[in-house]
Amino acid sequence: MSRILAVKQWIGVLGIAVMLFQGEVLYANEFDCLIEPNVVVNVGSDVEGVLKQITVDRGDIVQKGQMLAELDTTLQELALRSAQVRSENESVIQTNQARVNFGKRRLARTKELFESEISSLSELDEAETAKLLADLALIEAREAKRLAEFDLSRAWAELEMRTIQSPITGVVVERFLSPGELVSRTPIVKLAQLDPLRVEVFVPTSMLGKVQVGMVAEVQPEDPVGGRYSAKVTVVDQIVDTASGTFGIRLRLPNPEYLLQAGLKCRMRFLLQ
């Protein structure tokens, strides 16, 4: 009976030791981290101009390709209309085509007359030259129309460049300008992509070789947010900071419902196998 009691006591002590060991491993595998936006973008304009309107404000959620702002387009619209008229003008081509047709008929008649010794060589030469000049004029008119079509495409592009679209799906963090201000090199708005979020953590060199890209980790944001979320390792730095004896790791944290805010401190642990 005393042996059985001793074995039970030994098993109990062993179980406590295992629990303490697991607790120590769990604690050693936990690190402070920071939740940041995946991308932060200062959105400006490729061209200078007066800001006509801004369609978003701080805190708004925007979709990729959504219009954020628009510059004044008065001059560009006029240039577009002018280019459109030139590109659609067929009169010069039609005129020169008529001259080519007339030149063909004139040359044919002059050749007949020349062969009948009614027309002189100089008249034949004049008819041939007129036909050649008409052909060249028609080619020039067609090239001018092609250039007008290129000018129309450029006018459209210049007009579209005055509409500023969002390069990402995210949240407006800050608005720098207001309608009526001159847009030059100054950004108009700042955007942050919050889905996914980026988790940055520095771990000691003892974790070298234990953390690999694709590994899953558990992230716990600071109170009052709390909760536990799964994140996946996307970057493992290949350079160790000698002074601190640590290296950096980046993780991807999905946030489709925007339940988490960027800038939160967190605790995380890697789910080591």
Protein backbone atom coordinates (compact mmCIF):
# COMPACT_ATOMS: atom_id res chain seq x y z
CA MET A 1 0.00 0.00 0.00
CA SER A 2 2.84 2.36 0.83
CA ARG A 3 4.45 1.54 -2.54
CA ILE A 4 1.26 2.48 -4.40
CA LEU A 5 1.06 5.75 -2.48
CA ALA A 6 4.69 6.49 -3.28
CA VAL A 7 4.15 5.82 -7.00
CA LYS A 8 1.11 8.15 -7.06
CA GLN A 9 3.09 10.86 -5.33
CA TRP A 10 5.93 10.40 -7.82
CA ILE A 11 3.51 10.63 -10.78
CA GLY A 12 1.99 13.77 -9.28
CA VAL A 13 5.39 15.40 -8.88
CA LEU A 14 6.32 14.40 -12.44
CA GLY A 15 3.08 15.88 -13.78
CA ILE A 16 3.74 19.18 -11.96
CA ALA A 17 7.26 19.20 -13.35
CA VAL A 18 5.99 18.64 -16.88
CA MET A 19 3.44 21.45 -16.46
CA LEU A 20 6.11 23.78 -15.18
CA PHE A 21 8.39 22.81 -18.04
CA GLN A 22 5.63 23.44 -20.58
CA GLY A 23 4.87 26.75 -18.91
CA GLU A 24 8.52 27.75 -19.11
CA VAL A 25 8.66 26.84 -22.81
CA LEU A 26 5.49 28.77 -23.53
CA TYR A 27 6.80 31.80 -21.68
CA ALA A 28 10.16 31.63 -23.40
CA ASN A 29 8.37 31.47 -26.75
CA GLU A 30 6.33 34.66 -26.14
CA PHE A 31 7.54 38.03 -27.41
CA ASP A 32 6.45 41.63 -27.53
CA CYS A 33 5.29 42.75 -30.96
CA LEU A 34 3.70 45.66 -32.78
CA ILE A 35 0.77 45.65 -35.20
CA GLU A 36 1.26 48.03 -38.12
CA PRO A 37 -0.47 48.82 -41.43
CA ASN A 38 0.65 46.57 -44.25
CA VAL A 39 1.19 49.58 -46.53
CA VAL A 40 1.13 53.35 -45.95
CA VAL A 41 0.89 55.53 -49.06
CA ASN A 42 1.05 59.30 -49.54
CA VAL A 43 -1.09 59.84 -52.63
CA GLY A 44 -0.35 62.85 -54.83
CA SER A 45 -0.70 63.89 -58.46
CA ASP A 46 1.58 63.30 -61.44
CA VAL A 47 0.71 66.77 -62.77
CA GLU A 48 0.38 70.23 -61.27
CA GLY A 49 -2.96 71.96 -61.03
CA VAL A 50 -5.62 73.50 -58.84
CA LEU A 51 -7.49 71.05 -56.67
CA LYS A 52 -11.14 71.01 -57.77
CA GLN A 53 -12.59 68.53 -55.27
CA ILE A 54 -11.71 65.85 -52.71
CA THR A 55 -14.24 63.05 -52.39
CA VAL A 56 -12.88 61.43 -49.19
CA ASP A 57 -12.01 62.48 -45.68
CA ARG A 58 -10.13 61.15 -42.68
CA GLY A 59 -11.42 57.77 -41.53
CA ASP A 60 -13.12 56.87 -44.81
CA ILE A 61 -12.63 53.36 -46.20
CA VAL A 62 -11.66 53.44 -49.87
CA GLN A 63 -11.41 50.78 -52.54
CA LYS A 64 -8.56 50.35 -55.00
CA GLY A 65 -9.28 52.48 -58.08
CA GLN A 66 -11.78 54.72 -56.29
CA MET A 67 -11.57 58.43 -57.08
CA LEU A 68 -10.00 60.39 -54.24
CA ALA A 69 -9.67 63.85 -55.76
CA GLU A 70 -9.87 65.78 -59.01
CA LEU A 71 -7.89 68.70 -60.40
CA ASP A 72 -9.39 71.49 -62.48
CA THR A 73 -9.83 70.18 -66.05
CA THR A 74 -11.03 73.27 -67.99
CA LEU A 75 -8.00 73.56 -70.29
CA GLN A 76 -7.67 69.81 -70.74
CA GLU A 77 -11.32 69.49 -71.79
CA LEU A 78 -10.84 72.20 -74.42
CA ALA A 79 -7.69 70.51 -75.71
CA LEU A 80 -9.57 67.22 -75.87
CA ARG A 81 -12.40 68.70 -77.93
CA SER A 82 -9.93 70.32 -80.33
CA ALA A 83 -8.03 67.05 -80.76
CA GLN A 84 -11.26 65.17 -81.29
CA VAL A 85 -12.35 67.54 -84.09
CA ARG A 86 -8.97 67.21 -85.83
CA SER A 87 -8.98 63.42 -85.51
CA GLU A 88 -12.45 63.17 -87.04
CA ASN A 89 -11.77 65.58 -89.92
CA GLU A 90 -11.88 63.67 -93.21
CA SER A 91 -12.17 66.66 -95.55
CA VAL A 92 -8.44 67.01 -96.24
CA ILE A 93 -8.12 63.33 -97.06
CA GLN A 94 -11.19 63.42 -99.29
CA THR A 95 -9.92 66.51 -101.11
CA ASN A 96 -6.55 64.95 -101.80
CA GLN A 97 -8.16 61.66 -102.80
CA ALA A 98 -10.18 63.60 -105.40
CA ARG A 99 -6.97 65.20 -106.68
CA VAL A 100 -5.36 61.78 -106.97
CA ASN A 101 -8.32 60.43 -108.94
CA PHE A 102 -8.29 63.49 -111.22
CA GLY A 103 -4.54 63.12 -111.68
CA LYS A 104 -4.97 59.49 -112.74
CA ARG A 105 -7.57 60.42 -115.38
CA ARG A 106 -5.54 63.39 -116.60
CA LEU A 107 -2.38 61.30 -116.87
CA ALA A 108 -4.23 58.56 -118.77
CA ARG A 109 -5.66 61.09 -121.28
CA THR A 110 -2.30 62.84 -121.66
CA LYS A 111 -0.58 59.50 -122.41
CA GLU A 112 -3.15 58.71 -125.10
CA LEU A 113 -2.68 62.13 -126.64
CA PHE A 114 1.10 61.81 -126.42
CA GLU A 115 1.02 58.41 -128.13
CA SER A 116 -1.15 59.97 -130.83
CA GLU A 117 1.42 62.77 -131.09
CA ILE A 118 -1.23 65.31 -130.14
CA SER A 119 0.22 66.14 -126.74
CA SER A 120 3.81 67.21 -126.12
CA LEU A 121 6.37 65.56 -123.84
CA SER A 122 6.26 68.53 -121.48
CA GLU A 123 2.51 68.11 -121.05
CA LEU A 124 2.99 64.43 -120.26
CA ASP A 125 5.70 65.30 -117.75
CA GLU A 126 3.43 67.90 -116.17
CA ALA A 127 0.59 65.37 -115.84
CA GLU A 128 2.91 62.77 -114.27
CA THR A 129 4.28 65.33 -111.83
CA ALA A 130 0.78 66.50 -110.86
CA LYS A 131 -0.25 62.88 -110.22
CA LEU A 132 2.84 62.28 -108.06
CA LEU A 133 2.25 65.45 -106.03
CA ALA A 134 -1.39 64.45 -105.50
CA ASP A 135 -0.28 61.01 -104.23
CA LEU A 136 2.19 62.63 -101.79
CA ALA A 137 -0.45 65.09 -100.59
CA LEU A 138 -2.84 62.20 -99.86
CA ILE A 139 -0.15 60.36 -97.88
CA GLU A 140 0.58 63.54 -95.93
CA ALA A 141 -3.13 64.04 -95.17
CA ARG A 142 -3.45 60.48 -93.87
CA GLU A 143 -0.36 60.88 -91.67
CA ALA A 144 -1.76 64.16 -90.33
CA LYS A 145 -4.96 62.33 -89.37
CA ARG A 146 -2.95 59.63 -87.58
CA LEU A 147 -1.08 62.32 -85.66
CA ALA A 148 -4.40 63.93 -84.76
CA GLU A 149 -5.57 60.57 -83.40
CA PHE A 150 -2.38 60.32 -81.30
CA ASP A 151 -3.03 63.84 -80.02
CA LEU A 152 -6.54 62.76 -79.07
CA SER A 153 -5.17 59.80 -77.10
CA ARG A 154 -2.69 62.08 -75.34
CA ALA A 155 -5.45 64.58 -74.54
CA TRP A 156 -7.51 61.78 -73.00
CA ALA A 157 -4.49 60.64 -70.95
CA GLU A 158 -3.79 64.17 -69.71
CA LEU A 159 -7.42 64.55 -68.71
CA GLU A 160 -7.44 61.21 -66.88
CA MET A 161 -4.23 62.11 -65.02
CA ARG A 162 -6.12 64.91 -63.31
CA THR A 163 -8.33 62.37 -61.58
CA ILE A 164 -6.49 60.87 -58.59
CA GLN A 165 -7.44 57.29 -57.78
CA SER A 166 -6.63 55.12 -54.78
CA PRO A 167 -3.75 52.70 -55.43
CA ILE A 168 -4.88 50.42 -52.57
CA THR A 169 -7.91 49.34 -50.57
CA GLY A 170 -7.56 50.92 -47.16
CA VAL A 171 -8.41 53.79 -44.85
CA VAL A 172 -7.79 57.52 -45.20
CA VAL A 173 -5.37 58.41 -42.42
CA GLU A 174 -4.94 62.10 -43.18
CA ARG A 175 -6.02 64.75 -45.71
CA PHE A 176 -3.36 67.34 -46.49
CA LEU A 177 -5.05 69.70 -49.00
CA SER A 178 -8.43 71.31 -49.62
CA PRO A 179 -10.24 72.38 -52.82
CA GLY A 180 -8.75 75.52 -54.37
CA GLU A 181 -5.16 74.77 -53.30
CA LEU A 182 -2.35 74.25 -55.78
CA VAL A 183 -1.22 70.66 -56.14
CA SER A 184 2.48 70.34 -56.90
CA ARG A 185 4.75 67.90 -55.11
CA THR A 186 2.65 67.87 -51.94
CA PRO A 187 0.62 64.70 -51.22
CA ILE A 188 -3.14 65.10 -51.14
CA VAL A 189 -4.08 62.27 -48.77
CA LYS A 190 -2.39 59.51 -46.78
CA LEU A 191 -3.80 55.98 -46.99
CA ALA A 192 -3.13 52.89 -44.89
CA GLN A 193 -3.87 49.30 -45.86
CA LEU A 194 -5.35 47.53 -42.83
CA ASP A 195 -6.15 44.19 -44.43
CA PRO A 196 -3.89 42.45 -44.01
CA LEU A 197 -1.99 43.98 -41.12
CA ARG A 198 1.73 43.61 -40.56
CA VAL A 199 3.15 42.32 -37.28
CA GLU A 200 6.74 43.20 -36.46
CA VAL A 201 8.69 41.36 -33.76
CA PHE A 202 12.32 41.01 -32.70
CA VAL A 203 13.40 37.70 -31.23
CA PRO A 204 16.68 36.52 -29.66
CA THR A 205 19.30 34.65 -31.66
CA SER A 206 18.32 31.48 -29.81
CA MET A 207 15.36 31.35 -32.21
CA LEU A 208 17.62 31.16 -35.26
CA GLY A 209 16.62 28.22 -37.41
CA LYS A 210 13.43 27.63 -35.44
CA VAL A 211 11.31 30.21 -37.25
CA GLN A 212 10.67 29.75 -40.96
CA VAL A 213 8.61 31.59 -43.57
CA GLY A 214 5.09 30.14 -43.60
CA MET A 215 5.09 29.27 -39.91
CA VAL A 216 1.93 30.18 -37.97
CA ALA A 217 1.97 32.30 -34.83
CA GLU A 218 -0.65 33.39 -32.32
CA VAL A 219 -1.00 37.16 -31.79
CA GLN A 220 -2.71 38.71 -28.77
CA PRO A 221 -3.34 42.49 -29.05
CA GLU A 222 -3.06 44.60 -25.92
CA ASP A 223 -6.12 45.42 -23.82
CA PRO A 224 -8.81 46.52 -24.22
CA VAL A 225 -8.83 44.89 -27.67
CA GLY A 226 -7.51 41.51 -26.59
CA GLY A 227 -8.38 38.27 -28.33
CA ARG A 228 -6.15 35.80 -30.12
CA TYR A 229 -5.48 35.84 -33.84
CA SER A 230 -3.47 33.69 -36.23
CA ALA A 231 -0.69 35.26 -38.29
CA LYS A 232 1.74 33.78 -40.77
CA VAL A 233 5.48 34.50 -41.04
CA THR A 234 6.35 36.26 -44.29
CA VAL A 235 9.86 37.60 -43.62
CA VAL A 236 12.73 36.32 -41.49
CA ASP A 237 15.66 38.73 -41.43
CA GLN A 238 18.99 37.29 -42.48
CA ILE A 239 20.99 39.85 -40.50
CA VAL A 240 21.29 39.75 -36.70
CA ASP A 241 21.60 42.95 -34.69
CA THR A 242 24.85 42.46 -32.78
CA ALA A 243 24.11 45.06 -30.10
CA SER A 244 20.80 43.55 -29.00
CA GLY A 245 21.39 39.97 -30.06
CA THR A 246 18.08 39.85 -31.92
CA PHE A 247 16.76 39.57 -35.45
CA GLY A 248 13.52 40.76 -36.97
CA ILE A 249 10.51 38.78 -38.13
CA ARG A 250 7.45 40.03 -40.02
CA LEU A 251 4.06 38.33 -40.06
CA ARG A 252 0.88 38.75 -42.11
CA LEU A 253 -2.27 39.17 -40.00
CA PRO A 254 -5.62 39.00 -41.90
CA ASN A 255 -8.09 41.71 -40.89
CA PRO A 256 -11.01 41.47 -43.35
CA GLU A 257 -13.58 42.99 -40.98
CA TYR A 258 -11.24 45.74 -39.76
CA LEU A 259 -11.68 44.55 -36.17
CA LEU A 260 -8.06 45.38 -35.33
CA GLN A 261 -6.43 48.79 -35.42
CA ALA A 262 -2.88 49.46 -36.52
CA GLY A 263 -0.45 50.79 -33.92
CA LEU A 264 -1.45 48.31 -31.19
CA LYS A 265 1.15 46.62 -29.06
CA CYS A 266 0.79 42.87 -28.79
CA ARG A 267 2.18 39.63 -27.42
CA MET A 268 2.83 36.71 -29.69
CA ARG A 269 4.10 33.16 -29.62
CA PHE A 270 5.19 30.87 -32.39
CA LEU A 271 3.39 27.54 -32.70
CA LEU A 272 6.57 25.47 -32.85
CA GLN A 273 6.27 21.81 -33.82
